[in-house]
Amino acid sequence: MKVTRIAYSQNLNAGKCAQLSEQAGRLGRVRSEVWQRYGSVNGAGLSDRKIRDQWMVDGTAELFGVLANAWKETVRDAVADITANRAAAKAAVRKAIHRRTSDQAEQKRMYTALKRDTWAEDPFLSQQMRKQWKRGRNRTHNQIVVRSDQYRTFTLAEDGNIWLAVPGLQRRQLVRIPLNTTVAPSGTLRLILRAGRVEVHYQIDASTMSSSARPVGDREVGVDKGYTEVLTDSDGQHHGTELGVLLTCESDYRRVKNARRAKIRSVAEKAREAGDHAKADRIVSNNLGTVKRKRRSSRWQQTVRTTTFRAVHAVVDKAALIAAEDLTRTFTGRARRGRNVNRRLAAWTKGVTAEALASVSERRGSALTLVNAAYTSQVAPCCGVFGHRSGDRLHCTRCGVVWQADHAAAINALHRVGDPDIAPHTPHQRVKSIVQQRADRRPDQTADPGLQSVGGERSIQLTINFDQ
């Protein structure tokens, strides 16, 4: 598996920064041109090589003012972004095809046309693609893609750090960038300019990272992904408990900030409607910028990722096998929440948690098993029956034990490893029926002696033995 590493420039002087910024700005115009011409149906079926050849023939390439390798790599990168954007729309169109007809031959014909990008010839596919595929635009003007044979690295004797020499705007004129690392980057590089600093992004094999030698535990542990914390394991331990505060504070901050920006934008629009374009332009330039917003968002995302990966490392420290819920499928519920709750839940970074589980477990040699997530937080592990959920407390309707819901979900996830009846893609209706049938077959149980009454309610001890 490939992972992305980032090296940062160190003490980069203003002249070099200006040269790189000018080059990134010109390449940003190349990206915009690709998105403008080929970001719609006109780009379906076109490869980056065909676009490059066409631009070299009609003279478009001479207008960019950058070296050939630089704009060609930018075209390749932009076409890859458009392809990924189009592929996301195709996923929704495939579902529409399945709903439209049950004829396997017709389905195969449509799927093939969708795969080969000949969907524009079919009226139904063309309609669906135009509905699902929203035309994008380029907002990237601070990146330079450098091919692996277009740069070199060297080390100075003073500090041992790596220097990176990349092509500039003129032939045979390299821009030498001092880095803050002793490890030389390799492969294709992506240079991102932010706040006078250069970030060098490159990919390496995960097996070569130092964390691959970090030992793992020898137990089987189930985990549940949460909002207030990153993970809760089957031992009842919470990992990354600061996640909920990070998500809530940032969501609330954005709500207030966006409301204020909306008022300012309204003033600018009214000024423009009244003919005062100078005032509107001043407001847009000075009050509606995105530099600070992107900088804050980047810092917040880095903090969330750090918190998430630390939590996953803590779980892997004691687990040779991790059972986690597969949350790639969408489960709809009838719960009605307020606007604030919905807004905060919208920022839940379950994708980052899934990425961290897959990445860390693979790098450190721990096995990750994804199980069906249906009803894991609604079944009491002590008796296997559907409990009564009240907030984060799950009451067993048979023996009266009160569980912490995330803890119960982690135990249920561990129990579903190797379950012959509940596979990862078993429909949730079938899962509910299986759980209910198993609960009906089990005899009534009294409270376990390991349960103690705390505050008028019984709570579990970790020494309790659960039926398999």
Protein backbone atom coordinates (compact mmCIF):
# COMPACT_ATOMS: atom_id res chain seq x y z
CA MET A 1 0.00 0.00 0.00
CA LYS A 2 1.15 3.52 -0.80
CA VAL A 3 1.09 6.32 1.77
CA THR A 4 1.76 10.02 1.29
CA ARG A 5 4.64 11.72 3.05
CA ILE A 6 5.11 15.50 3.29
CA ALA A 7 8.41 17.37 3.53
CA TYR A 8 8.49 21.12 4.19
CA SER A 9 10.81 23.83 2.96
CA GLN A 10 13.10 25.47 5.49
CA ASN A 11 14.26 29.09 5.32
CA LEU A 12 13.13 29.54 1.72
CA ASN A 13 14.09 33.04 0.52
CA ALA A 14 11.58 35.42 -1.03
CA GLY A 15 13.09 35.26 -4.53
CA LYS A 16 12.71 31.49 -4.86
CA CYS A 17 9.22 31.66 -3.37
CA ALA A 18 8.23 34.29 -5.95
CA GLN A 19 9.53 32.15 -8.82
CA LEU A 20 7.62 29.09 -7.62
CA SER A 21 4.46 31.13 -7.03
CA GLU A 22 4.60 32.55 -10.56
CA GLN A 23 5.07 29.08 -12.02
CA ALA A 24 2.21 27.65 -9.92
CA GLY A 25 -0.06 30.52 -11.02
CA ARG A 26 0.63 29.84 -14.70
CA LEU A 27 0.04 26.13 -14.22
CA GLY A 28 -3.20 27.02 -12.45
CA ARG A 29 -4.36 28.65 -15.67
CA VAL A 30 -3.51 25.40 -17.47
CA ARG A 31 -5.75 23.51 -15.03
CA SER A 32 -8.54 26.02 -15.55
CA GLU A 33 -8.27 25.59 -19.32
CA VAL A 34 -8.53 21.80 -19.01
CA TRP A 35 -11.59 22.03 -16.76
CA GLN A 36 -13.22 24.65 -19.00
CA ARG A 37 -12.80 22.66 -22.22
CA TYR A 38 -13.04 19.06 -21.03
CA GLY A 39 -14.81 19.15 -17.69
CA SER A 40 -18.14 18.27 -19.33
CA VAL A 41 -19.41 15.85 -21.96
CA ASN A 42 -16.76 17.10 -24.38
CA GLY A 43 -14.07 15.41 -22.29
CA ALA A 44 -15.69 11.98 -22.14
CA GLY A 45 -13.37 9.41 -23.68
CA LEU A 46 -10.45 11.84 -24.13
CA SER A 47 -7.09 10.98 -22.59
CA ASP A 48 -4.52 13.49 -21.42
CA ARG A 49 -2.19 12.43 -24.26
CA LYS A 50 -4.80 13.31 -26.90
CA ILE A 51 -5.30 16.72 -25.29
CA ARG A 52 -1.56 17.33 -25.17
CA ASP A 53 -1.09 16.39 -28.82
CA GLN A 54 -3.98 18.61 -29.86
CA TRP A 55 -2.64 21.61 -27.94
CA MET A 56 0.82 21.19 -29.43
CA VAL A 57 -0.66 21.19 -32.94
CA ASP A 58 -3.06 24.15 -32.58
CA GLY A 59 -0.56 26.32 -30.68
CA THR A 60 -2.36 26.41 -27.34
CA ALA A 61 0.77 25.14 -25.54
CA GLU A 62 2.75 28.21 -26.57
CA LEU A 63 0.43 30.49 -24.58
CA PHE A 64 1.20 28.98 -21.17
CA GLY A 65 4.70 30.39 -20.66
CA VAL A 66 6.01 27.31 -18.81
CA LEU A 67 8.23 24.39 -19.75
CA ALA A 68 6.66 21.54 -21.71
CA ASN A 69 7.09 18.91 -19.00
CA ALA A 70 5.45 21.17 -16.42
CA TRP A 71 2.23 21.85 -18.36
CA LYS A 72 2.01 18.26 -19.63
CA GLU A 73 2.11 16.88 -16.07
CA THR A 74 -0.49 19.45 -15.05
CA VAL A 75 -2.77 18.36 -17.89
CA ARG A 76 -2.38 14.73 -16.83
CA ASP A 77 -3.21 15.61 -13.21
CA ALA A 78 -6.25 17.71 -14.17
CA VAL A 79 -7.62 15.00 -16.46
CA ALA A 80 -7.23 12.49 -13.62
CA ASP A 81 -9.29 14.80 -11.37
CA ILE A 82 -12.01 15.09 -14.02
CA THR A 83 -12.05 11.31 -14.44
CA ALA A 84 -12.46 10.82 -10.70
CA ASN A 85 -15.26 13.39 -10.65
CA ARG A 86 -17.00 11.60 -13.51
CA ALA A 87 -16.56 8.19 -11.84
CA ALA A 88 -18.42 9.43 -8.76
CA ALA A 89 -21.39 10.33 -10.96
CA LYS A 90 -21.26 6.93 -12.69
CA ALA A 91 -21.81 5.19 -9.35
CA ALA A 92 -25.19 6.90 -9.01
CA VAL A 93 -26.07 6.20 -12.66
CA ARG A 94 -25.41 2.48 -12.17
CA LYS A 95 -28.06 2.43 -9.47
CA ALA A 96 -30.46 4.20 -11.83
CA ILE A 97 -29.79 1.54 -14.48
CA HIS A 98 -30.58 -1.20 -11.97
CA ARG A 99 -33.85 0.51 -11.08
CA ARG A 100 -34.82 1.12 -14.72
CA THR A 101 -34.64 -2.45 -16.05
CA SER A 102 -34.18 -6.00 -14.87
CA ASP A 103 -33.14 -7.27 -18.31
CA GLN A 104 -29.55 -8.47 -17.86
CA ALA A 105 -28.66 -7.93 -21.52
CA GLU A 106 -29.90 -4.33 -21.40
CA GLN A 107 -28.14 -3.72 -18.10
CA LYS A 108 -24.89 -5.07 -19.54
CA ARG A 109 -25.21 -2.83 -22.59
CA MET A 110 -25.69 0.27 -20.43
CA TYR A 111 -22.91 -0.68 -18.02
CA THR A 112 -20.54 -1.19 -20.95
CA ALA A 113 -21.44 2.17 -22.48
CA LEU A 114 -20.90 3.80 -19.12
CA LYS A 115 -17.52 2.14 -18.68
CA ARG A 116 -16.30 3.00 -22.18
CA ASP A 117 -17.53 6.61 -21.96
CA THR A 118 -19.92 6.20 -24.89
CA TRP A 119 -22.91 7.09 -22.73
CA ALA A 120 -23.53 10.32 -24.65
CA GLU A 121 -25.02 8.23 -27.48
CA ASP A 122 -27.72 6.78 -25.22
CA PRO A 123 -30.55 9.22 -24.31
CA PHE A 124 -31.22 7.68 -20.87
CA LEU A 125 -27.55 7.49 -19.88
CA SER A 126 -26.91 10.99 -21.19
CA GLN A 127 -29.83 12.35 -19.17
CA GLN A 128 -28.70 10.58 -16.00
CA MET A 129 -25.06 11.65 -16.38
CA ARG A 130 -26.07 15.27 -16.89
CA LYS A 131 -28.22 15.00 -13.80
CA GLN A 132 -25.57 13.40 -11.58
CA TRP A 133 -22.40 14.93 -13.01
CA LYS A 134 -22.15 18.53 -11.90
CA ARG A 135 -19.72 20.57 -13.93
CA GLY A 136 -16.68 21.51 -11.88
CA ARG A 137 -14.17 24.30 -12.04
CA ASN A 138 -10.56 24.71 -11.07
CA ARG A 139 -9.65 26.44 -7.83
CA THR A 140 -6.07 25.20 -7.61
CA HIS A 141 -3.43 27.80 -8.43
CA ASN A 142 -0.70 26.86 -5.96
CA GLN A 143 0.50 23.43 -7.13
CA ILE A 144 3.35 22.18 -9.29
CA VAL A 145 3.60 18.52 -10.35
CA VAL A 146 7.19 17.41 -11.01
CA ARG A 147 7.97 14.14 -12.77
CA SER A 148 10.48 11.78 -11.16
CA ASP A 149 13.16 12.40 -13.80
CA GLN A 150 12.85 16.20 -13.72
CA TYR A 151 14.37 16.94 -10.31
CA ARG A 152 17.39 15.99 -8.24
CA THR A 153 18.23 15.93 -4.55
CA PHE A 154 21.51 16.62 -2.79
CA THR A 155 22.84 17.15 0.71
CA LEU A 156 25.05 19.89 2.10
CA ALA A 157 27.66 18.99 4.69
CA GLU A 158 26.57 21.64 7.19
CA ASP A 159 23.33 20.15 8.55
CA GLY A 160 22.76 16.98 6.54
CA ASN A 161 19.29 18.07 5.38
CA ILE A 162 18.07 17.40 1.86
CA TRP A 163 17.95 20.05 -0.85
CA LEU A 164 15.53 19.68 -3.75
CA ALA A 165 16.29 21.17 -7.17
CA VAL A 166 13.24 21.53 -9.44
CA PRO A 167 12.85 23.14 -12.89
CA GLY A 168 11.90 26.80 -12.97
CA LEU A 169 10.35 28.90 -15.71
CA GLN A 170 13.46 28.94 -17.89
CA ARG A 171 15.32 26.01 -19.38
CA ARG A 172 18.32 24.69 -17.43
CA GLN A 173 17.52 27.00 -14.51
CA LEU A 174 16.73 25.03 -11.37
CA VAL A 175 15.14 26.36 -8.20
CA ARG A 176 16.92 24.86 -5.19
CA ILE A 177 14.67 24.33 -2.17
CA PRO A 178 16.09 23.52 1.30
CA LEU A 179 13.99 20.89 3.10
CA ASN A 180 13.61 20.11 6.79
CA THR A 181 14.28 16.40 6.41
CA THR A 182 17.22 14.05 5.91
CA VAL A 183 15.11 11.63 3.82
CA ALA A 184 15.12 12.35 0.10
CA PRO A 185 11.69 12.37 -1.58
CA SER A 186 11.15 9.98 -4.47
CA GLY A 187 8.76 9.39 -7.35
CA THR A 188 6.45 12.05 -8.75
CA LEU A 189 6.33 15.13 -6.52
CA ARG A 190 3.49 17.54 -5.85
CA LEU A 191 4.69 20.94 -4.65
CA ILE A 192 2.03 22.94 -2.79
CA LEU A 193 2.73 26.56 -1.86
CA ARG A 194 1.09 27.78 1.33
CA ALA A 195 1.90 30.93 3.32
CA GLY A 196 5.41 31.33 1.90
CA ARG A 197 6.31 27.69 2.49
CA VAL A 198 6.59 24.78 0.08
CA GLU A 199 5.07 21.40 0.93
CA VAL A 200 6.58 18.48 -0.99
CA HIS A 201 4.10 15.59 -1.24
CA TYR A 202 5.30 12.18 -2.39
CA GLN A 203 4.31 8.53 -1.99
CA ILE A 204 6.23 5.62 -0.48
CA ASP A 205 5.50 2.01 0.37
CA ALA A 206 3.90 1.62 3.78
CA SER A 207 6.19 -1.31 4.59
CA THR A 208 9.22 1.00 4.56
CA MET A 209 7.83 3.27 7.28
CA SER A 210 9.26 3.10 10.78
CA SER A 211 5.86 2.29 12.33
CA SER A 212 5.85 -1.07 10.51
CA ALA A 213 8.41 -2.28 13.07
CA ARG A 214 6.28 -1.19 16.02
CA PRO A 215 4.96 -4.29 17.82
CA VAL A 216 1.26 -5.13 17.96
CA GLY A 217 -0.77 -6.86 20.63
CA ASP A 218 -1.87 -10.48 20.69
CA ARG A 219 -5.61 -10.13 21.36
CA GLU A 220 -8.82 -9.91 19.36
CA VAL A 221 -10.53 -6.56 19.93
CA GLY A 222 -13.75 -5.10 18.60
CA VAL A 223 -14.08 -1.36 18.08
CA ASP A 224 -16.95 1.06 17.54
CA LYS A 225 -16.49 4.38 15.74
CA GLY A 226 -18.00 7.31 17.56
CA TYR A 227 -18.52 11.06 17.46
CA THR A 228 -17.50 12.07 20.99
CA GLU A 229 -14.48 9.76 20.76
CA VAL A 230 -12.64 8.17 17.85
CA LEU A 231 -13.00 4.55 18.99
CA THR A 232 -14.44 2.54 21.84
CA ASP A 233 -13.00 -0.96 22.14
CA SER A 234 -14.58 -4.14 23.47
CA ASP A 235 -12.82 -3.61 26.81
CA GLY A 236 -14.85 -0.46 27.35
CA GLN A 237 -11.87 1.85 26.86
CA HIS A 238 -12.39 5.09 24.92
CA HIS A 239 -9.67 6.32 22.56
CA GLY A 240 -9.39 9.85 21.18
CA THR A 241 -11.91 11.39 23.57
CA GLU A 242 -11.12 14.92 22.36
CA LEU A 243 -12.62 14.30 18.90
CA GLY A 244 -16.14 15.39 19.86
CA VAL A 245 -14.89 18.72 21.19
CA LEU A 246 -12.88 19.32 18.01
CA LEU A 247 -15.85 18.60 15.74
CA THR A 248 -18.39 20.56 17.78
CA CYS A 249 -16.24 23.66 18.27
CA GLU A 250 -15.28 23.86 14.61
CA SER A 251 -18.86 23.31 13.46
CA ASP A 252 -20.19 26.03 15.76
CA TYR A 253 -17.43 28.42 14.69
CA ARG A 254 -18.24 27.89 11.01
CA ARG A 255 -21.93 28.50 11.63
CA VAL A 256 -21.26 31.93 13.14
CA LYS A 257 -18.57 32.81 10.61
CA ASN A 258 -20.65 31.82 7.59
CA ALA A 259 -23.65 33.78 8.88
CA ARG A 260 -21.50 36.91 9.10
CA ARG A 261 -20.03 36.31 5.66
CA ALA A 262 -23.54 35.96 4.26
CA LYS A 263 -24.47 39.41 5.58
CA ILE A 264 -21.34 40.96 4.07
CA ARG A 265 -21.98 39.19 0.76
CA SER A 266 -25.52 40.58 0.78
CA VAL A 267 -24.14 44.11 1.16
CA ALA A 268 -21.80 43.54 -1.79
CA GLU A 269 -24.61 42.19 -3.98
CA LYS A 270 -26.87 45.14 -3.14
CA ALA A 271 -24.04 47.54 -3.92
CA ARG A 272 -23.46 45.88 -7.28
CA GLU A 273 -27.18 46.01 -8.10
CA ALA A 274 -27.15 49.71 -7.26
CA GLY A 275 -24.28 50.26 -9.69
CA ASP A 276 -21.56 50.80 -7.06
CA HIS A 277 -19.15 48.22 -8.48
CA ALA A 278 -16.13 49.72 -6.74
CA LYS A 279 -17.65 49.11 -3.30
CA ALA A 280 -18.68 45.59 -4.27
CA ASP A 281 -15.17 44.81 -5.53
CA ARG A 282 -13.59 46.17 -2.33
CA ILE A 283 -15.85 43.98 -0.18
CA VAL A 284 -15.07 40.89 -2.26
CA SER A 285 -11.32 41.58 -2.16
CA ASN A 286 -11.00 42.53 1.51
CA ASN A 287 -13.84 40.77 3.34
CA LEU A 288 -14.80 37.64 1.40
CA GLY A 289 -11.42 36.02 0.86
CA THR A 290 -10.71 32.35 1.57
CA VAL A 291 -7.02 32.41 2.56
CA LYS A 292 -7.59 32.51 6.32
CA ARG A 293 -10.51 30.10 6.08
CA LYS A 294 -8.44 27.53 4.19
CA ARG A 295 -5.54 27.97 6.59
CA ARG A 296 -7.77 27.36 9.62
CA SER A 297 -9.45 24.40 7.92
CA SER A 298 -6.08 22.86 7.11
CA ARG A 299 -4.91 23.16 10.73
CA TRP A 300 -8.18 21.67 11.97
CA GLN A 301 -7.99 18.74 9.56
CA GLN A 302 -4.42 18.01 10.63
CA THR A 303 -5.44 18.05 14.29
CA VAL A 304 -8.34 15.65 13.64
CA ARG A 305 -6.11 13.29 11.67
CA THR A 306 -3.47 13.32 14.41
CA THR A 307 -6.07 12.55 17.07
CA THR A 308 -7.57 9.77 14.97
CA PHE A 309 -4.31 8.06 14.12
CA ARG A 310 -3.11 8.19 17.73
CA ALA A 311 -6.34 6.51 18.83
CA VAL A 312 -5.96 3.76 16.23
CA HIS A 313 -2.33 3.18 17.22
CA ALA A 314 -3.46 2.75 20.83
CA VAL A 315 -5.91 0.03 19.76
CA VAL A 316 -3.34 -1.75 17.59
CA ASP A 317 -0.94 -1.75 20.54
CA LYS A 318 -3.06 -4.48 22.12
CA ALA A 319 -4.82 -6.08 19.14
CA ALA A 320 -3.62 -8.65 16.64
CA LEU A 321 -7.12 -8.69 15.13
CA ILE A 322 -9.48 -5.72 15.01
CA ALA A 323 -13.18 -6.13 14.29
CA ALA A 324 -14.70 -2.86 13.09
CA GLU A 325 -18.06 -1.88 11.66
CA ASP A 326 -18.29 -1.42 7.92
CA LEU A 327 -19.83 2.04 7.64
CA THR A 328 -19.44 2.43 3.88
CA ARG A 329 -23.15 1.67 3.45
CA THR A 330 -25.80 4.22 4.39
CA PHE A 331 -28.38 3.28 7.01
CA THR A 332 -31.41 5.55 7.15
CA GLY A 333 -33.18 6.16 10.41
CA ARG A 334 -36.31 7.89 11.63
CA ALA A 335 -34.67 9.89 14.40
CA ARG A 336 -35.51 13.58 14.25
CA ARG A 337 -32.71 15.84 15.35
CA GLY A 338 -32.35 19.57 15.52
CA ARG A 339 -30.41 21.66 13.03
CA ASN A 340 -27.43 22.04 15.34
CA VAL A 341 -27.15 18.28 15.87
CA ASN A 342 -27.44 17.56 12.14
CA ARG A 343 -24.83 20.19 11.35
CA ARG A 344 -22.38 18.77 13.89
CA LEU A 345 -22.94 15.19 12.74
CA ALA A 346 -22.28 16.29 9.17
CA ALA A 347 -18.69 16.97 10.20
CA TRP A 348 -18.24 13.47 11.62
CA THR A 349 -14.98 12.23 10.10
CA LYS A 350 -15.76 8.52 9.87
CA GLY A 351 -13.86 8.39 6.58
CA VAL A 352 -10.66 9.48 8.34
CA THR A 353 -11.23 6.81 11.00
CA ALA A 354 -11.72 4.13 8.35
CA GLU A 355 -8.57 5.27 6.56
CA ALA A 356 -6.58 5.23 9.80
CA LEU A 357 -7.77 1.72 10.70
CA ALA A 358 -6.83 0.35 7.28
CA SER A 359 -3.51 2.17 7.06
CA VAL A 360 -2.19 1.57 10.59
CA SER A 361 -3.30 -2.06 10.75
CA GLU A 362 -1.61 -2.83 7.43
CA ARG A 363 1.60 -1.01 8.29
CA ARG A 364 1.95 -2.64 11.70
CA GLY A 365 0.76 -6.11 10.71
CA SER A 366 -2.57 -6.27 12.53
CA ALA A 367 -5.54 -7.92 10.81
CA LEU A 368 -8.57 -5.69 10.21
CA THR A 369 -11.94 -7.40 9.72
CA LEU A 370 -15.00 -5.37 8.69
CA VAL A 371 -18.32 -6.68 9.95
CA ASN A 372 -21.95 -5.76 9.39
CA ALA A 373 -22.82 -2.64 11.38
CA ALA A 374 -26.58 -3.21 11.50
CA TYR A 375 -28.02 -3.04 15.05
CA THR A 376 -24.64 -3.48 16.78
CA SER A 377 -25.44 -0.61 19.15
CA GLN A 378 -29.00 -1.81 19.82
CA VAL A 379 -28.36 -5.41 20.91
CA ALA A 380 -27.44 -6.15 24.53
CA PRO A 381 -24.41 -8.50 24.44
CA CYS A 382 -25.35 -10.16 27.75
CA CYS A 383 -28.59 -11.74 26.44
CA GLY A 384 -28.44 -11.08 22.71
CA VAL A 385 -31.79 -9.25 22.68
CA PHE A 386 -32.75 -5.84 21.41
CA GLY A 387 -32.33 -3.38 24.24
CA HIS A 388 -33.92 -0.05 25.01
CA ARG A 389 -31.66 2.80 23.90
CA SER A 390 -31.67 6.00 25.93
CA GLY A 391 -28.91 8.37 24.87
CA ASP A 392 -25.63 6.53 25.23
CA ARG A 393 -27.15 3.95 27.61
CA LEU A 394 -28.51 0.62 26.43
CA HIS A 395 -30.88 -1.20 28.78
CA CYS A 396 -31.18 -4.96 28.37
CA THR A 397 -34.89 -5.77 28.27
CA ARG A 398 -34.33 -9.28 29.59
CA CYS A 399 -31.92 -9.07 32.53
CA GLY A 400 -31.90 -5.31 33.14
CA VAL A 401 -28.17 -4.71 32.66
CA VAL A 402 -27.29 -1.17 31.60
CA TRP A 403 -24.61 -0.93 28.93
CA GLN A 404 -22.68 1.95 27.49
CA ALA A 405 -23.94 1.82 23.88
CA ASP A 406 -20.55 2.17 22.19
CA HIS A 407 -19.07 -0.52 24.43
CA ALA A 408 -21.93 -2.87 23.54
CA ALA A 409 -21.45 -2.12 19.84
CA ALA A 410 -17.74 -2.97 20.04
CA ILE A 411 -18.50 -6.32 21.71
CA ASN A 412 -21.17 -7.14 19.13
CA ALA A 413 -18.76 -6.26 16.33
CA LEU A 414 -16.22 -8.70 17.77
CA HIS A 415 -18.87 -11.44 18.05
CA ARG A 416 -19.79 -11.01 14.37
CA VAL A 417 -16.33 -12.04 13.16
CA GLY A 418 -16.89 -15.32 11.36
CA ASP A 419 -20.64 -15.26 11.94
CA PRO A 420 -22.05 -17.75 9.39
CA ASP A 421 -25.43 -15.98 9.14
CA ILE A 422 -24.55 -12.27 9.27
CA ALA A 423 -22.16 -11.39 6.45
CA PRO A 424 -20.83 -7.86 5.86
CA HIS A 425 -23.41 -7.22 3.12
CA THR A 426 -26.42 -8.93 4.70
CA PRO A 427 -29.43 -6.55 4.48
CA HIS A 428 -30.31 -4.93 7.77
CA GLN A 429 -33.83 -6.36 7.65
CA ARG A 430 -32.35 -9.86 7.51
CA VAL A 431 -29.93 -9.02 10.33
CA LYS A 432 -32.82 -7.89 12.52
CA SER A 433 -34.69 -11.12 11.84
CA ILE A 434 -31.64 -13.25 12.68
CA VAL A 435 -30.98 -11.42 15.94
CA GLN A 436 -34.62 -11.75 16.97
CA GLN A 437 -34.71 -15.48 16.17
CA ARG A 438 -31.56 -16.11 18.18
CA ALA A 439 -32.95 -14.17 21.12
CA ASP A 440 -36.19 -16.18 21.05
CA ARG A 441 -34.27 -19.45 21.13
CA ARG A 442 -32.18 -18.45 24.14
CA PRO A 443 -33.65 -19.20 27.57
CA ASP A 444 -34.47 -16.42 30.00
CA GLN A 445 -31.48 -15.44 32.10
CA THR A 446 -31.19 -13.83 35.48
CA ALA A 447 -28.66 -11.21 36.30
CA ASP A 448 -25.07 -12.43 36.37
CA PRO A 449 -23.38 -12.43 39.81
CA GLY A 450 -20.69 -10.21 38.34
CA LEU A 451 -23.25 -7.40 37.94
CA GLN A 452 -23.43 -4.79 40.64
CA SER A 453 -26.02 -2.17 41.37
CA VAL A 454 -24.71 1.37 40.99
CA GLY A 455 -27.04 4.31 41.64
CA GLY A 456 -30.17 2.15 41.52
CA GLU A 457 -29.20 0.55 38.18
CA ARG A 458 -27.07 -2.45 37.46
CA SER A 459 -23.88 -1.90 35.48
CA ILE A 460 -21.52 -4.41 33.99
CA GLN A 461 -18.10 -5.53 35.16
CA LEU A 462 -15.46 -6.35 32.58
CA THR A 463 -15.08 -9.84 34.09
CA ILE A 464 -18.51 -10.94 32.91
CA ASN A 465 -18.57 -13.98 30.61
CA PHE A 466 -20.72 -13.64 27.52
CA ASP A 467 -22.35 -16.54 25.73
CA GLN A 468 -20.98 -17.13 22.26
